[in-house]
Structure formats: C-alpha cells, structure tokens
Protein backbone atom coordinates (compact mmCIF):
# COMPACT_ATOMS: atom_id res chain seq x y z
CA UNK A 1 -14.27 -48.53 3.31
CA UNK A 2 -10.87 -47.32 3.88
CA UNK A 3 -10.50 -45.35 0.57
CA UNK A 4 -13.90 -43.20 1.33
CA UNK A 5 -12.11 -42.29 4.72
CA UNK A 6 -8.87 -41.29 3.52
CA UNK A 7 -10.12 -39.12 0.68
CA UNK A 8 -12.75 -37.26 2.98
CA UNK A 9 -10.52 -36.99 5.70
CA UNK A 10 -7.93 -35.26 3.20
CA UNK A 11 -10.94 -33.53 1.66
CA UNK A 12 -11.60 -32.17 5.02
CA UNK A 13 -7.66 -31.03 6.41
CA UNK A 14 -7.49 -29.35 3.15
CA UNK A 15 -10.15 -27.47 3.84
CA UNK A 16 -9.81 -26.86 7.75
CA UNK A 17 -6.05 -24.67 6.30
CA UNK A 18 -7.65 -22.59 3.81
CA UNK A 19 -7.54 -19.08 4.54
CA UNK A 20 -10.31 -16.46 4.57
CA UNK A 21 -9.05 -15.10 1.65
CA UNK A 22 -9.38 -18.80 0.00
CA UNK A 23 -12.71 -18.29 -0.09
CA UNK A 24 -13.35 -15.94 -2.80
CA UNK A 25 -11.22 -17.55 -5.01
CA UNK A 26 -12.75 -19.61 -8.26
CA UNK A 27 -13.11 -23.35 -7.76
CA UNK A 28 -12.93 -26.28 -10.44
CA UNK A 29 -16.86 -26.23 -10.44
CA UNK A 30 -18.19 -23.70 -13.24
CA UNK A 31 -19.82 -20.73 -11.20
CA UNK A 32 -18.90 -21.53 -8.00
CA UNK A 33 -16.47 -19.40 -5.48
CA UNK A 34 -14.73 -22.12 -3.00
CA UNK A 35 -17.20 -20.98 -0.78
CA UNK A 36 -20.25 -22.58 -2.49
CA UNK A 37 -17.90 -25.53 -3.17
CA UNK A 38 -17.23 -26.01 0.19
CA UNK A 39 -21.22 -25.07 1.03
CA UNK A 40 -21.79 -27.88 -1.72
CA UNK A 41 -19.41 -30.78 0.98
CA UNK A 42 -21.53 -29.70 4.04
CA UNK A 43 -24.86 -30.73 1.79
CA UNK A 44 -22.93 -34.02 0.50
CA UNK A 45 -22.11 -35.06 4.58
CA UNK A 46 -25.73 -34.54 5.29
CA UNK A 47 -26.80 -36.65 2.46
CA UNK A 48 -24.23 -39.24 3.74
CA UNK A 49 -25.70 -39.51 7.21
CA UNK A 50 -28.67 -39.73 6.11
CA UNK A 51 -28.23 -42.64 3.46
CA UNK A 52 -26.11 -44.75 5.96
CA UNK A 53 -29.08 -44.04 8.76
CA UNK A 54 -31.76 -45.54 5.46
CA UNK A 55 -31.77 -49.22 5.50
CA UNK A 56 -33.56 -51.17 2.80
CA UNK A 57 -34.91 -54.16 2.61
CA UNK A 58 -34.69 -54.55 -0.66
CA UNK A 59 -32.06 -55.76 -3.20
CA UNK A 60 -29.30 -53.77 -4.32
CA UNK A 61 -30.56 -51.82 -7.88
CA UNK A 62 -27.14 -49.63 -8.25
CA UNK A 63 -23.73 -50.10 -7.54
CA UNK A 64 -20.29 -48.36 -7.32
CA UNK A 65 -20.24 -47.49 -10.94
CA UNK A 66 -23.82 -47.84 -11.79
CA UNK A 67 -24.93 -44.90 -9.24
CA UNK A 68 -23.51 -42.35 -11.69
CA UNK A 69 -25.75 -40.82 -14.67
CA UNK A 70 -23.69 -40.25 -17.35
CA UNK A 71 -24.42 -36.83 -20.03
CA UNK A 72 -22.44 -34.70 -21.79
CA UNK A 73 -24.26 -31.62 -20.98
CA UNK A 74 -22.66 -29.58 -18.50
CA UNK A 75 -24.41 -28.60 -14.86
CA UNK A 76 -26.82 -25.85 -14.93
CA UNK A 77 -25.33 -23.09 -12.72
CA UNK A 78 -28.13 -21.08 -12.40
CA UNK A 79 -30.50 -23.71 -12.17
CA UNK A 80 -32.72 -23.96 -8.63
CA UNK A 81 -30.25 -26.67 -6.54
CA UNK A 82 -27.19 -24.74 -7.42
CA UNK A 83 -28.31 -21.26 -7.22
CA UNK A 84 -29.66 -22.46 -2.96
CA UNK A 85 -26.17 -23.29 -2.73
CA UNK A 86 -24.50 -20.35 -3.50
CA UNK A 87 -27.56 -18.22 -1.52
CA UNK A 88 -26.86 -20.60 1.61
CA UNK A 89 -22.85 -20.27 1.05
CA UNK A 90 -23.40 -16.33 1.82
CA UNK A 91 -25.43 -16.58 4.68
CA UNK A 92 -22.03 -18.30 6.59
CA UNK A 93 -20.91 -14.72 6.19
CA UNK A 94 -17.60 -15.56 8.40
CA UNK A 95 -15.43 -18.56 6.10
CA UNK A 96 -14.46 -19.82 9.81
CA UNK A 97 -18.58 -20.72 10.40
CA UNK A 98 -18.46 -22.57 6.98
CA UNK A 99 -15.10 -24.22 8.21
CA UNK A 100 -16.64 -25.31 11.73
CA UNK A 101 -20.01 -26.75 10.49
CA UNK A 102 -17.92 -28.96 7.95
CA UNK A 103 -15.38 -30.38 10.37
CA UNK A 104 -18.54 -31.10 12.74
CA UNK A 105 -20.87 -32.13 10.11
CA UNK A 106 -17.91 -33.81 8.01
CA UNK A 107 -16.85 -35.58 11.09
CA UNK A 108 -20.28 -37.37 11.64
CA UNK A 109 -20.44 -38.43 8.53
CA UNK A 110 -16.69 -40.10 8.71
CA UNK A 111 -17.46 -41.79 11.81
CA UNK A 112 -20.87 -43.13 10.64
CA UNK A 113 -18.93 -44.43 7.40
CA UNK A 114 -16.46 -46.37 9.65
CA UNK A 115 -18.86 -47.67 12.11
CA UNK A 116 -21.35 -49.06 9.13
CA UNK A 117 -21.32 -52.75 7.98
CA UNK A 118 -20.39 -52.67 4.41
CA UNK A 119 -22.58 -54.92 3.64
CA UNK A 120 -25.87 -53.37 4.86
CA UNK A 121 -28.32 -51.99 2.18
CA UNK A 122 -29.59 -48.32 2.29
CA UNK A 123 -31.25 -46.29 0.05
CA UNK A 124 -30.88 -42.71 -1.59
CA UNK A 125 -32.60 -41.23 -4.47
CA UNK A 126 -35.05 -43.79 -5.08
CA UNK A 127 -31.90 -46.69 -5.36
CA UNK A 128 -31.02 -49.33 -3.33
CA UNK A 129 -27.34 -49.62 -2.69
CA UNK A 130 -24.98 -51.50 -0.07
CA UNK A 131 -23.12 -49.65 2.50
CA UNK A 132 -19.42 -50.56 0.71
CA UNK A 133 -20.65 -49.96 -3.25
CA UNK A 134 -22.54 -46.04 -1.37
CA UNK A 135 -19.30 -45.31 0.28
CA UNK A 136 -17.12 -46.54 -2.68
CA UNK A 137 -18.87 -44.26 -5.09
CA UNK A 138 -18.44 -41.00 -2.67
CA UNK A 139 -14.38 -41.66 -3.25
CA UNK A 140 -15.16 -40.34 -7.36
CA UNK A 141 -17.31 -37.83 -5.47
CA UNK A 142 -14.49 -36.76 -2.48
CA UNK A 143 -11.68 -36.60 -5.51
CA UNK A 144 -13.27 -34.45 -8.05
CA UNK A 145 -14.52 -32.10 -5.30
CA UNK A 146 -11.14 -31.75 -4.09
CA UNK A 147 -9.76 -31.46 -7.33
CA UNK A 148 -12.24 -28.42 -7.34
CA UNK A 149 -11.20 -27.28 -5.07
CA UNK A 150 -7.50 -26.65 -5.80
CA UNK A 151 -8.43 -25.73 -9.14
CA UNK A 152 -6.85 -22.13 -8.73
CA UNK A 153 -5.09 -22.81 -5.13
CA UNK A 154 -2.00 -24.77 -6.07
CA UNK A 155 -0.32 -24.20 -2.38
CA UNK A 156 -3.12 -26.50 -0.92
CA UNK A 157 -2.68 -29.97 -0.91
CA UNK A 158 -4.06 -32.28 -3.64
CA UNK A 159 -6.47 -35.37 -2.95
CA UNK A 160 -4.36 -38.48 -1.77
CA UNK A 161 -2.80 -40.59 -5.02
CA UNK A 162 -4.57 -43.81 -4.02
CA UNK A 163 -8.09 -41.87 -4.07
CA UNK A 164 -6.74 -40.19 -7.91
CA UNK A 165 -6.19 -44.06 -9.08
CA UNK A 166 -9.34 -45.22 -7.17
CA UNK A 167 -10.91 -42.22 -8.92
CA UNK A 168 -9.62 -42.95 -12.52
CA UNK A 169 -10.42 -46.55 -12.08
CA UNK A 170 -14.19 -45.60 -11.86
CA UNK A 171 -14.26 -43.50 -14.45
CA UNK A 172 -13.42 -46.11 -16.78
CA UNK A 173 -15.54 -48.51 -15.56
CA UNK A 174 -18.35 -45.59 -15.63
CA UNK A 175 -17.61 -44.93 -19.06
CA UNK A 176 -15.73 -48.05 -20.85
CA UNK A 177 -12.98 -45.63 -21.82
CA UNK A 178 -9.26 -46.84 -21.03
CA UNK A 179 -7.87 -43.64 -20.93
CA UNK A 180 -3.46 -43.22 -21.97
CA UNK A 181 -1.43 -44.19 -19.13
CA UNK A 182 0.60 -40.78 -20.42
CA UNK A 183 -2.35 -38.71 -18.64
CA UNK A 184 -1.64 -38.40 -15.68
CA UNK A 185 -4.70 -39.31 -13.01
CA UNK A 186 -5.68 -35.85 -12.14
CA UNK A 187 -5.71 -34.98 -15.92
CA UNK A 188 -7.78 -37.34 -16.60
CA UNK A 189 -10.28 -36.88 -14.23
CA UNK A 190 -10.40 -32.79 -14.40
CA UNK A 191 -10.30 -33.07 -18.45
CA UNK A 192 -12.24 -36.46 -19.19
CA UNK A 193 -15.51 -34.77 -16.86
CA UNK A 194 -15.24 -31.49 -18.06
CA UNK A 195 -13.76 -29.42 -15.59
CA UNK A 196 -11.49 -27.73 -18.38
CA UNK A 197 -10.88 -28.01 -21.81
CA UNK A 198 -8.28 -30.72 -23.33
CA UNK A 199 -5.15 -28.92 -24.42
CA UNK A 200 -4.16 -30.22 -28.34
CA UNK A 201 -1.50 -32.64 -26.76
CA UNK A 202 -4.09 -33.98 -24.54
CA UNK A 203 -6.66 -34.34 -27.03
CA UNK A 204 -4.23 -35.86 -29.32
CA UNK A 205 -3.66 -38.79 -26.93
CA UNK A 206 -7.35 -38.86 -26.13
CA UNK A 207 -7.92 -40.25 -29.53
CA UNK A 208 -11.48 -41.29 -30.16
CA UNK A 209 -12.50 -40.51 -26.81
CA UNK A 210 -12.08 -36.64 -27.41
CA UNK A 211 -14.98 -36.62 -29.27
CA UNK A 212 -17.08 -37.84 -26.62
CA UNK A 213 -15.88 -35.27 -23.59
CA UNK A 214 -17.47 -33.78 -21.34
CA UNK A 215 -18.12 -37.34 -19.37
CA UNK A 216 -20.54 -35.09 -17.33
CA UNK A 217 -21.44 -36.90 -13.93
CA UNK A 218 -25.02 -36.77 -11.90
C-alpha cells in the first residue's frame, strides 16, 4: 500500500513540475506526447477510483502479478483507445488545465487507496483482486509511466528507487526471467518492456532472454 502511495505521489509531483513546453515533448510511450501520457494518467486515476468503489463477493481470480497479461506485440498506437486519449489530451489546450485535472482526480485516487482495506475484494476488467494486490499491480504501472514521462525530460525527477526495485521484481515474477544484476532497474524496465531497443552490451547481458523481447504488458 505504501509503495502505491509513494510511486503515485512521485509521479504526480513530476507532472506538477512540468513547464508548458514539456507537454509537447515525446514520451516513452510510442506515438504519445507527454500531454497524451498525462491524459492517460487521468484515466488511470479514474479507473483506480472506480475499482476501489466496486466491491466483489467472489474469490480473487488474479493477484498483483497475474493481473498483467504479457504479449510480444507492441500496442496499437493508432487504435481507437489510443486515438481517443490523444483527442482528449488535445482538447485541454492549456497544459495547466490538464495538470489541474490530474492533481484533482489523482489526489482523490491516492486518498481512496490510503483509506482502503487491503483485504477487501474488488472487481475490475471482469476479474477479482484484493485491494492490496490491485494497488501493488499499479506500482508497476506508475513506475513504467514515470519512466515514460521523463524519457525526453532529463531535468525532471524519475521514479523513487523503491518503486523501481519493486517494479523490476514484479517484472521478474511476471515473465519468469531473472534479469542480470549489472543492468539497472530503469534499463531493465525500459528495455524489457519494449520502450527502447537494447544496446549490444545490454543484449549480451540479457543472454537468452533477449530473444524473447519485448515483454509487452497489458
């Protein structure tokens, strides 16, 4: 629960510190500018609020790791959902409005997470998880998107170290791969989820796992 709150607070603080010109920079999500990514974060925050307000009476069907589906196919950047996100982001026009909306909805999602019973069962995407597992799964979401946010913004603070370490641990559990210690958490997360291609040295360090890249999470 604490990892969720810390990762989410750090990501929202990074967005709050952006200048207007930063929103037109490319993000680490293929085909999305920073403003598109921030709009996606607003939608994510809404999803968190909806899920925490959707109790389920069934046994859990997923946990923090099995919540994620893995494929080798990059996301469709021209698909209807991605296109809708881009149109919504453009509709804000003034980046300050987008920052305000994320702060407003995002703060509410953070408060709801802090108040939630970790053992409560909730439903999302036709699956059931405990609140604890659901919020743990989002540590990976927040950390990856924080890396996406700062991909072309070197002056913006990146994800907290604890969140990076937990996200790497989760990626190991999801994929069944133990990533080499000489590769940093941020490199493992960016390269192995297809956010950038590995260098020759990174590919050599990854060994047989390099042939399985990318691990696209959905």
